[in-house]
PDB file of all heavy atoms in Angstrom:
ATOM      1  N   HIS A   1       0.833  -1.206   0.000  1.00  0.00           N
ATOM      2  CA  HIS A   1       0.000   0.000   0.000  1.00  0.00           C
ATOM      3  C   HIS A   1       0.866   1.254   0.000  1.00  0.00           C
ATOM      4  O   HIS A   1       0.613   2.210  -0.749  1.00  0.00           O
ATOM      5  CB  HIS A   1      -0.928  -0.019   1.217  1.00  0.00           C
ATOM      6  CG  HIS A   1      -1.930   1.083   1.237  1.00  0.00           C
ATOM      7  ND1 HIS A   1      -1.680   2.318   1.814  1.00  0.00           N
ATOM      8  CD2 HIS A   1      -3.185   1.164   0.726  1.00  0.00           C
ATOM      9  CE1 HIS A   1      -2.731   3.087   1.695  1.00  0.00           C
ATOM     10  NE2 HIS A   1      -3.655   2.417   1.029  1.00  0.00           N
ATOM     11  N   ASP A   2       1.895   1.263   0.804  1.00  0.00           N
ATOM     12  CA  ASP A   2       2.799   2.418   0.854  1.00  0.00           C
ATOM     13  C   ASP A   2       3.496   2.634  -0.488  1.00  0.00           C
ATOM     14  O   ASP A   2       3.703   3.772  -0.921  1.00  0.00           O
ATOM     15  CB  ASP A   2       3.847   2.222   1.951  1.00  0.00           C
ATOM     16  CG  ASP A   2       3.274   2.324   3.352  1.00  0.00           C
ATOM     17  OD1 ASP A   2       2.132   2.815   3.488  1.00  0.00           O
ATOM     18  OD2 ASP A   2       3.954   1.912   4.297  1.00  0.00           O
ATOM     19  N   ALA A   3       3.829   1.551  -1.154  1.00  0.00           N
ATOM     20  CA  ALA A   3       4.574   1.647  -2.404  1.00  0.00           C
ATOM     21  C   ALA A   3       3.731   2.147  -3.561  1.00  0.00           C
ATOM     22  O   ALA A   3       4.226   2.853  -4.454  1.00  0.00           O
ATOM     23  CB  ALA A   3       5.169   0.288  -2.763  1.00  0.00           C
ATOM     24  N   PHE A   4       2.431   1.818  -3.551  1.00  0.00           N
ATOM     25  CA  PHE A   4       1.601   2.136  -4.713  1.00  0.00           C
ATOM     26  C   PHE A   4       0.538   3.194  -4.447  1.00  0.00           C
ATOM     27  O   PHE A   4      -0.268   3.486  -5.328  1.00  0.00           O
ATOM     28  CB  PHE A   4       0.977   0.855  -5.263  1.00  0.00           C
ATOM     29  CG  PHE A   4       2.000  -0.038  -5.921  1.00  0.00           C
ATOM     30  CD1 PHE A   4       2.610  -1.050  -5.202  1.00  0.00           C
ATOM     31  CD2 PHE A   4       2.386   0.171  -7.229  1.00  0.00           C
ATOM     32  CE1 PHE A   4       3.577  -1.859  -5.793  1.00  0.00           C
ATOM     33  CE2 PHE A   4       3.345  -0.622  -7.823  1.00  0.00           C
ATOM     34  CZ  PHE A   4       3.943  -1.634  -7.110  1.00  0.00           C
ATOM     35  N   GLY A   5       0.567   3.782  -3.269  1.00  0.00           N
ATOM     36  CA  GLY A   5      -0.203   4.988  -3.060  1.00  0.00           C
ATOM     37  C   GLY A   5      -1.579   4.794  -2.456  1.00  0.00           C
ATOM     38  O   GLY A   5      -2.126   3.692  -2.423  1.00  0.00           O
ATOM     39  N   PRO A   6      -2.144   5.905  -1.977  1.00  0.00           N
ATOM     40  CA  PRO A   6      -3.413   5.862  -1.249  1.00  0.00           C
ATOM     41  C   PRO A   6      -4.613   5.480  -2.112  1.00  0.00           C
ATOM     42  O   PRO A   6      -5.671   5.156  -1.580  1.00  0.00           O
ATOM     43  CB  PRO A   6      -3.555   7.291  -0.726  1.00  0.00           C
ATOM     44  CG  PRO A   6      -2.757   8.126  -1.682  1.00  0.00           C
ATOM     45  CD  PRO A   6      -1.592   7.267  -2.083  1.00  0.00           C
ATOM     46  N   ASP A   7      -4.476   5.529  -3.430  1.00  0.00           N
ATOM     47  CA  ASP A   7      -5.600   5.174  -4.302  1.00  0.00           C
ATOM     48  C   ASP A   7      -5.694   3.669  -4.568  1.00  0.00           C
ATOM     49  O   ASP A   7      -6.605   3.217  -5.264  1.00  0.00           O
ATOM     50  CB  ASP A   7      -5.485   5.910  -5.640  1.00  0.00           C
ATOM     51  CG  ASP A   7      -5.649   7.420  -5.477  1.00  0.00           C
ATOM     52  OD1 ASP A   7      -6.348   7.828  -4.533  1.00  0.00           O
ATOM     53  OD2 ASP A   7      -5.087   8.172  -6.288  1.00  0.00           O
ATOM     54  N   LEU A   8      -4.764   2.895  -4.030  1.00  0.00           N
ATOM     55  CA  LEU A   8      -4.799   1.452  -4.209  1.00  0.00           C
ATOM     56  C   LEU A   8      -6.063   0.888  -3.557  1.00  0.00           C
ATOM     57  O   LEU A   8      -6.347   1.155  -2.390  1.00  0.00           O
ATOM     58  CB  LEU A   8      -3.564   0.807  -3.568  1.00  0.00           C
ATOM     59  CG  LEU A   8      -3.410  -0.695  -3.746  1.00  0.00           C
ATOM     60  CD1 LEU A   8      -3.095  -1.046  -5.200  1.00  0.00           C
ATOM     61  CD2 LEU A   8      -2.316  -1.227  -2.825  1.00  0.00           C
ATOM     62  N   GLU A   9      -6.825   0.123  -4.314  1.00  0.00           N
ATOM     63  CA  GLU A   9      -8.038  -0.483  -3.779  1.00  0.00           C
ATOM     64  C   GLU A   9      -7.693  -1.822  -3.124  1.00  0.00           C
ATOM     65  O   GLU A   9      -6.942  -2.618  -3.689  1.00  0.00           O
ATOM     66  CB  GLU A   9      -9.064  -0.692  -4.892  1.00  0.00           C
ATOM     67  CG  GLU A   9      -9.542   0.616  -5.507  1.00  0.00           C
ATOM     68  CD  GLU A   9     -10.569   0.395  -6.603  1.00  0.00           C
ATOM     69  OE1 GLU A   9     -10.859  -0.771  -6.951  1.00  0.00           O
ATOM     70  OE2 GLU A   9     -11.091   1.402  -7.122  1.00  0.00           O
ATOM     71  N   VAL A  10      -8.240  -2.048  -1.948  1.00  0.00           N
ATOM     72  CA  VAL A  10      -7.992  -3.285  -1.207  1.00  0.00           C
ATOM     73  C   VAL A  10      -9.334  -3.962  -0.937  1.00  0.00           C
ATOM     74  O   VAL A  10     -10.193  -3.408  -0.249  1.00  0.00           O
ATOM     75  CB  VAL A  10      -7.252  -3.021   0.110  1.00  0.00           C
ATOM     76  CG1 VAL A  10      -7.074  -4.327   0.895  1.00  0.00           C
ATOM     77  CG2 VAL A  10      -5.896  -2.368  -0.154  1.00  0.00           C
ATOM     78  N   TYR A  11      -9.503  -5.145  -1.497  1.00  0.00           N
ATOM     79  CA  TYR A  11     -10.734  -5.914  -1.367  1.00  0.00           C
ATOM     80  C   TYR A  11     -10.537  -7.010  -0.326  1.00  0.00           C
ATOM     81  O   TYR A  11      -9.581  -7.780  -0.398  1.00  0.00           O
ATOM     82  CB  TYR A  11     -11.102  -6.559  -2.695  1.00  0.00           C
ATOM     83  CG  TYR A  11     -11.480  -5.597  -3.792  1.00  0.00           C
ATOM     84  CD1 TYR A  11     -10.507  -4.865  -4.473  1.00  0.00           C
ATOM     85  CD2 TYR A  11     -12.814  -5.424  -4.169  1.00  0.00           C
ATOM     86  CE1 TYR A  11     -10.853  -3.984  -5.488  1.00  0.00           C
ATOM     87  CE2 TYR A  11     -13.172  -4.552  -5.181  1.00  0.00           C
ATOM     88  CZ  TYR A  11     -12.181  -3.836  -5.839  1.00  0.00           C
ATOM     89  OH  TYR A  11     -12.529  -2.963  -6.837  1.00  0.00           O
ATOM     90  N   ALA A  12     -11.464  -7.107   0.618  1.00  0.00           N
ATOM     91  CA  ALA A  12     -11.362  -8.139   1.651  1.00  0.00           C
ATOM     92  C   ALA A  12     -12.740  -8.434   2.202  1.00  0.00           C
ATOM     93  O   ALA A  12     -13.622  -7.563   2.235  1.00  0.00           O
ATOM     94  CB  ALA A  12     -10.431  -7.686   2.784  1.00  0.00           C
ATOM     95  N   TYR A  13     -12.921  -9.670   2.653  1.00  0.00           N
ATOM     96  CA  TYR A  13     -14.202 -10.064   3.261  1.00  0.00           C
ATOM     97  C   TYR A  13     -14.330  -9.475   4.664  1.00  0.00           C
ATOM     98  O   TYR A  13     -15.357  -8.884   5.011  1.00  0.00           O
ATOM     99  CB  TYR A  13     -14.294 -11.592   3.313  1.00  0.00           C
ATOM    100  CG  TYR A  13     -15.606 -12.113   3.851  1.00  0.00           C
ATOM    101  CD1 TYR A  13     -16.669 -12.360   2.994  1.00  0.00           C
ATOM    102  CD2 TYR A  13     -15.765 -12.364   5.214  1.00  0.00           C
ATOM    103  CE1 TYR A  13     -17.880 -12.839   3.488  1.00  0.00           C
ATOM    104  CE2 TYR A  13     -16.963 -12.844   5.716  1.00  0.00           C
ATOM    105  CZ  TYR A  13     -18.019 -13.078   4.849  1.00  0.00           C
ATOM    106  OH  TYR A  13     -19.207 -13.558   5.346  1.00  0.00           O
ATOM    107  N   ALA A  14     -13.286  -9.626   5.466  1.00  0.00           N
ATOM    108  CA  ALA A  14     -13.309  -9.124   6.838  1.00  0.00           C
ATOM    109  C   ALA A  14     -12.699  -7.728   6.909  1.00  0.00           C
ATOM    110  O   ALA A  14     -11.975  -7.298   6.008  1.00  0.00           O
ATOM    111  CB  ALA A  14     -12.550 -10.076   7.762  1.00  0.00           C
ATOM    112  N   ASP A  15     -12.981  -7.045   7.984  1.00  0.00           N
ATOM    113  CA  ASP A  15     -12.472  -5.687   8.156  1.00  0.00           C
ATOM    114  C   ASP A  15     -10.943  -5.691   8.249  1.00  0.00           C
ATOM    115  O   ASP A  15     -10.334  -6.636   8.745  1.00  0.00           O
ATOM    116  CB  ASP A  15     -13.063  -5.075   9.427  1.00  0.00           C
ATOM    117  CG  ASP A  15     -12.805  -3.580   9.518  1.00  0.00           C
ATOM    118  OD1 ASP A  15     -12.653  -2.930   8.462  1.00  0.00           O
ATOM    119  OD2 ASP A  15     -12.748  -3.060  10.646  1.00  0.00           O
ATOM    120  N   HIS A  16     -10.353  -4.652   7.701  1.00  0.00           N
ATOM    121  CA  HIS A  16      -8.911  -4.432   7.784  1.00  0.00           C
ATOM    122  C   HIS A  16      -8.695  -2.931   7.678  1.00  0.00           C
ATOM    123  O   HIS A  16      -9.430  -2.253   6.932  1.00  0.00           O
ATOM    124  CB  HIS A  16      -8.184  -5.156   6.650  1.00  0.00           C
ATOM    125  CG  HIS A  16      -6.691  -5.108   6.773  1.00  0.00           C
ATOM    126  ND1 HIS A  16      -5.945  -3.992   6.417  1.00  0.00           N
ATOM    127  CD2 HIS A  16      -5.798  -6.044   7.209  1.00  0.00           C
ATOM    128  CE1 HIS A  16      -4.672  -4.237   6.641  1.00  0.00           C
ATOM    129  NE2 HIS A  16      -4.554  -5.469   7.124  1.00  0.00           N
ATOM    130  N   PRO A  17      -7.718  -2.371   8.410  1.00  0.00           N
ATOM    131  CA  PRO A  17      -7.504  -0.911   8.354  1.00  0.00           C
ATOM    132  C   PRO A  17      -7.295  -0.367   6.943  1.00  0.00           C
ATOM    133  O   PRO A  17      -7.601   0.803   6.678  1.00  0.00           O
ATOM    134  CB  PRO A  17      -6.248  -0.721   9.212  1.00  0.00           C
ATOM    135  CG  PRO A  17      -6.239  -1.877  10.151  1.00  0.00           C
ATOM    136  CD  PRO A  17      -6.817  -3.020   9.381  1.00  0.00           C
ATOM    137  N   LEU A  18      -6.780  -1.189   6.034  1.00  0.00           N
ATOM    138  CA  LEU A  18      -6.516  -0.723   4.670  1.00  0.00           C
ATOM    139  C   LEU A  18      -7.604  -1.129   3.680  1.00  0.00           C
ATOM    140  O   LEU A  18      -7.511  -0.780   2.500  1.00  0.00           O
ATOM    141  CB  LEU A  18      -5.156  -1.256   4.190  1.00  0.00           C
ATOM    142  CG  LEU A  18      -3.937  -0.723   4.947  1.00  0.00           C
ATOM    143  CD1 LEU A  18      -2.665  -1.388   4.434  1.00  0.00           C
ATOM    144  CD2 LEU A  18      -3.832   0.796   4.813  1.00  0.00           C
ATOM    145  N   ARG A  19      -8.595  -1.849   4.146  1.00  0.00           N
ATOM    146  CA  ARG A  19      -9.662  -2.277   3.234  1.00  0.00           C
ATOM    147  C   ARG A  19     -10.435  -1.070   2.715  1.00  0.00           C
ATOM    148  O   ARG A  19     -10.864  -0.218   3.474  1.00  0.00           O
ATOM    149  CB  ARG A  19     -10.630  -3.229   3.937  1.00  0.00           C
ATOM    150  CG  ARG A  19     -11.700  -3.799   3.007  1.00  0.00           C
ATOM    151  CD  ARG A  19     -12.647  -4.737   3.720  1.00  0.00           C
ATOM    152  NE  ARG A  19     -13.564  -4.033   4.612  1.00  0.00           N
ATOM    153  CZ  ARG A  19     -14.567  -4.613   5.281  1.00  0.00           C
ATOM    154  NH1 ARG A  19     -14.767  -5.921   5.156  1.00  0.00           N
ATOM    155  NH2 ARG A  19     -15.346  -3.915   6.079  1.00  0.00           N
ATOM    156  N   THR A  20     -10.611  -1.022   1.394  1.00  0.00           N
ATOM    157  CA  THR A  20     -11.436   0.021   0.781  1.00  0.00           C
ATOM    158  C   THR A  20     -12.731  -0.542   0.223  1.00  0.00           C
ATOM    159  O   THR A  20     -13.698   0.201   0.027  1.00  0.00           O
ATOM    160  CB  THR A  20     -10.679   0.725  -0.364  1.00  0.00           C
ATOM    161  OG1 THR A  20     -10.376  -0.224  -1.396  1.00  0.00           O
ATOM    162  CG2 THR A  20      -9.391   1.358   0.144  1.00  0.00           C
ATOM    163  N   GLU A  21     -12.753  -1.860  -0.055  1.00  0.00           N
ATOM    164  CA  GLU A  21     -13.923  -2.494  -0.645  1.00  0.00           C
ATOM    165  C   GLU A  21     -14.235  -3.782   0.108  1.00  0.00           C
ATOM    166  O   GLU A  21     -13.412  -4.693   0.151  1.00  0.00           O
ATOM    167  CB  GLU A  21     -13.682  -2.834  -2.126  1.00  0.00           C
ATOM    168  CG  GLU A  21     -13.212  -1.668  -2.979  1.00  0.00           C
ATOM    169  CD  GLU A  21     -14.295  -0.640  -3.210  1.00  0.00           C
ATOM    170  OE1 GLU A  21     -15.495  -0.999  -3.070  1.00  0.00           O
ATOM    171  OE2 GLU A  21     -13.946   0.512  -3.532  1.00  0.00           O
ATOM    172  N   ALA A  22     -15.415  -3.834   0.724  1.00  0.00           N
ATOM    173  CA  ALA A  22     -15.855  -5.062   1.377  1.00  0.00           C
ATOM    174  C   ALA A  22     -16.472  -5.980   0.322  1.00  0.00           C
ATOM    175  O   ALA A  22     -17.265  -5.538  -0.512  1.00  0.00           O
ATOM    176  CB  ALA A  22     -16.874  -4.757   2.456  1.00  0.00           C
ATOM    177  N   ILE A  23     -16.082  -7.254   0.336  1.00  0.00           N
ATOM    178  CA  ILE A  23     -16.630  -8.209  -0.613  1.00  0.00           C
ATOM    179  C   ILE A  23     -17.393  -9.295   0.126  1.00  0.00           C
ATOM    180  O   ILE A  23     -17.045  -9.669   1.251  1.00  0.00           O
ATOM    181  CB  ILE A  23     -15.535  -8.835  -1.511  1.00  0.00           C
ATOM    182  CG1 ILE A  23     -14.379  -9.416  -0.682  1.00  0.00           C
ATOM    183  CG2 ILE A  23     -15.041  -7.826  -2.517  1.00  0.00           C
ATOM    184  CD1 ILE A  23     -13.313 -10.113  -1.523  1.00  0.00           C
ATOM    185  N   GLU A  24     -18.439  -9.784  -0.516  1.00  0.00           N
ATOM    186  CA  GLU A  24     -19.283 -10.818   0.051  1.00  0.00           C
ATOM    187  C   GLU A  24     -19.526 -11.904  -0.988  1.00  0.00           C
ATOM    188  O   GLU A  24     -19.261 -11.711  -2.180  1.00  0.00           O
ATOM    189  CB  GLU A  24     -20.626 -10.229   0.506  1.00  0.00           C
ATOM    190  CG  GLU A  24     -20.516  -9.174   1.579  1.00  0.00           C
ATOM    191  CD  GLU A  24     -21.877  -8.638   1.988  1.00  0.00           C
ATOM    192  OE1 GLU A  24     -22.884  -9.019   1.337  1.00  0.00           O
ATOM    193  OE2 GLU A  24     -21.949  -7.864   2.953  1.00  0.00           O
ATOM    194  N   ASP A  25     -20.048 -13.025  -0.527  1.00  0.00           N
ATOM    195  CA  ASP A  25     -20.381 -14.114  -1.432  1.00  0.00           C
ATOM    196  C   ASP A  25     -21.321 -13.611  -2.525  1.00  0.00           C
ATOM    197  O   ASP A  25     -22.308 -12.929  -2.247  1.00  0.00           O
ATOM    198  CB  ASP A  25     -21.065 -15.240  -0.657  1.00  0.00           C
ATOM    199  CG  ASP A  25     -21.308 -16.464  -1.507  1.00  0.00           C
ATOM    200  OD1 ASP A  25     -20.336 -17.157  -1.819  1.00  0.00           O
ATOM    201  OD2 ASP A  25     -22.483 -16.710  -1.873  1.00  0.00           O
ATOM    202  N   GLY A  26     -20.991 -13.920  -3.765  1.00  0.00           N
ATOM    203  CA  GLY A  26     -21.821 -13.509  -4.889  1.00  0.00           C
ATOM    204  C   GLY A  26     -21.397 -12.218  -5.545  1.00  0.00           C
ATOM    205  O   GLY A  26     -21.909 -11.875  -6.621  1.00  0.00           O
ATOM    206  N   ASP A  27     -20.493 -11.476  -4.924  1.00  0.00           N
ATOM    207  CA  ASP A  27     -19.965 -10.259  -5.551  1.00  0.00           C
ATOM    208  C   ASP A  27     -19.065 -10.645  -6.727  1.00  0.00           C
ATOM    209  O   ASP A  27     -18.671 -11.799  -6.879  1.00  0.00           O
ATOM    210  CB  ASP A  27     -19.153  -9.439  -4.543  1.00  0.00           C
ATOM    211  CG  ASP A  27     -20.025  -8.722  -3.533  1.00  0.00           C
ATOM    212  OD1 ASP A  27     -21.257  -8.693  -3.716  1.00  0.00           O
ATOM    213  OD2 ASP A  27     -19.473  -8.200  -2.542  1.00  0.00           O
ATOM    214  N   THR A  28     -18.729  -9.657  -7.529  1.00  0.00           N
ATOM    215  CA  THR A  28     -17.761  -9.858  -8.604  1.00  0.00           C
ATOM    216  C   THR A  28     -16.631  -8.858  -8.449  1.00  0.00           C
ATOM    217  O   THR A  28     -16.842  -7.721  -8.008  1.00  0.00           O
ATOM    218  CB  THR A  28     -18.399  -9.701  -9.993  1.00  0.00           C
ATOM    219  OG1 THR A  28     -18.983  -8.400 -10.112  1.00  0.00           O
ATOM    220  CG2 THR A  28     -19.466 -10.755 -10.225  1.00  0.00           C
ATOM    221  N   VAL A  29     -15.431  -9.288  -8.800  1.00  0.00           N
ATOM    222  CA  VAL A  29     -14.259  -8.411  -8.800  1.00  0.00           C
ATOM    223  C   VAL A  29     -13.495  -8.639 -10.100  1.00  0.00           C
ATOM    224  O   VAL A  29     -13.490  -9.749 -10.644  1.00  0.00           O
ATOM    225  CB  VAL A  29     -13.329  -8.657  -7.590  1.00  0.00           C
ATOM    226  CG1 VAL A  29     -14.021  -8.324  -6.290  1.00  0.00           C
ATOM    227  CG2 VAL A  29     -12.827 -10.088  -7.578  1.00  0.00           C
ATOM    228  N   VAL A  30     -12.853  -7.593 -10.589  1.00  0.00           N
ATOM    229  CA  VAL A  30     -12.036  -7.705 -11.787  1.00  0.00           C
ATOM    230  C   VAL A  30     -10.587  -7.897 -11.370  1.00  0.00           C
ATOM    231  O   VAL A  30     -10.037  -7.091 -10.605  1.00  0.00           O
ATOM    232  CB  VAL A  30     -12.170  -6.462 -12.681  1.00  0.00           C
ATOM    233  CG1 VAL A  30     -11.209  -6.551 -13.873  1.00  0.00           C
ATOM    234  CG2 VAL A  30     -13.606  -6.325 -13.178  1.00  0.00           C
ATOM    235  N   ILE A  31      -9.993  -8.970 -11.845  1.00  0.00           N
ATOM    236  CA  ILE A  31      -8.582  -9.271 -11.614  1.00  0.00           C
ATOM    237  C   ILE A  31      -7.930  -9.374 -12.982  1.00  0.00           C
ATOM    238  O   ILE A  31      -8.312 -10.241 -13.783  1.00  0.00           O
ATOM    239  CB  ILE A  31      -8.402 -10.578 -10.828  1.00  0.00           C
ATOM    240  CG1 ILE A  31      -9.071 -10.476  -9.446  1.00  0.00           C
ATOM    241  CG2 ILE A  31      -6.919 -10.921 -10.678  1.00  0.00           C
ATOM    242  CD1 ILE A  31      -9.126 -11.795  -8.695  1.00  0.00           C
ATOM    243  N   GLY A  32      -6.988  -8.503 -13.255  1.00  0.00           N
ATOM    244  CA  GLY A  32      -6.386  -8.492 -14.584  1.00  0.00           C
ATOM    245  C   GLY A  32      -7.412  -8.122 -15.631  1.00  0.00           C
ATOM    246  O   GLY A  32      -8.017  -7.050 -15.569  1.00  0.00           O
ATOM    247  N   ASP A  33      -7.665  -9.030 -16.564  1.00  0.00           N
ATOM    248  CA  ASP A  33      -8.639  -8.759 -17.611  1.00  0.00           C
ATOM    249  C   ASP A  33      -9.840  -9.703 -17.535  1.00  0.00           C
ATOM    250  O   ASP A  33     -10.557  -9.898 -18.512  1.00  0.00           O
ATOM    251  CB  ASP A  33      -7.993  -8.853 -18.995  1.00  0.00           C
ATOM    252  CG  ASP A  33      -7.340 -10.209 -19.254  1.00  0.00           C
ATOM    253  OD1 ASP A  33      -7.441 -11.104 -18.382  1.00  0.00           O
ATOM    254  OD2 ASP A  33      -6.731 -10.371 -20.326  1.00  0.00           O
ATOM    255  N   GLU A  34     -10.077 -10.295 -16.349  1.00  0.00           N
ATOM    256  CA  GLU A  34     -11.209 -11.194 -16.175  1.00  0.00           C
ATOM    257  C   GLU A  34     -12.072 -10.787 -14.986  1.00  0.00           C
ATOM    258  O   GLU A  34     -11.579 -10.206 -14.015  1.00  0.00           O
ATOM    259  CB  GLU A  34     -10.744 -12.629 -15.983  1.00  0.00           C
ATOM    260  CG  GLU A  34     -10.106 -13.271 -17.209  1.00  0.00           C
ATOM    261  CD  GLU A  34      -9.882 -14.757 -17.006  1.00  0.00           C
ATOM    262  OE1 GLU A  34     -10.860 -15.486 -16.760  1.00  0.00           O
ATOM    263  OE2 GLU A  34      -8.719 -15.182 -17.081  1.00  0.00           O
TER     264      GLU A  34
END
């Protein structure tokens, strides 16, 4: 996070100080080009 800046999005199911996006079962996320 420090290396790539404050705009880095962090997806996680459980809470984390750096989490920006909460994900749940059935959600979709884009990884690379998929």
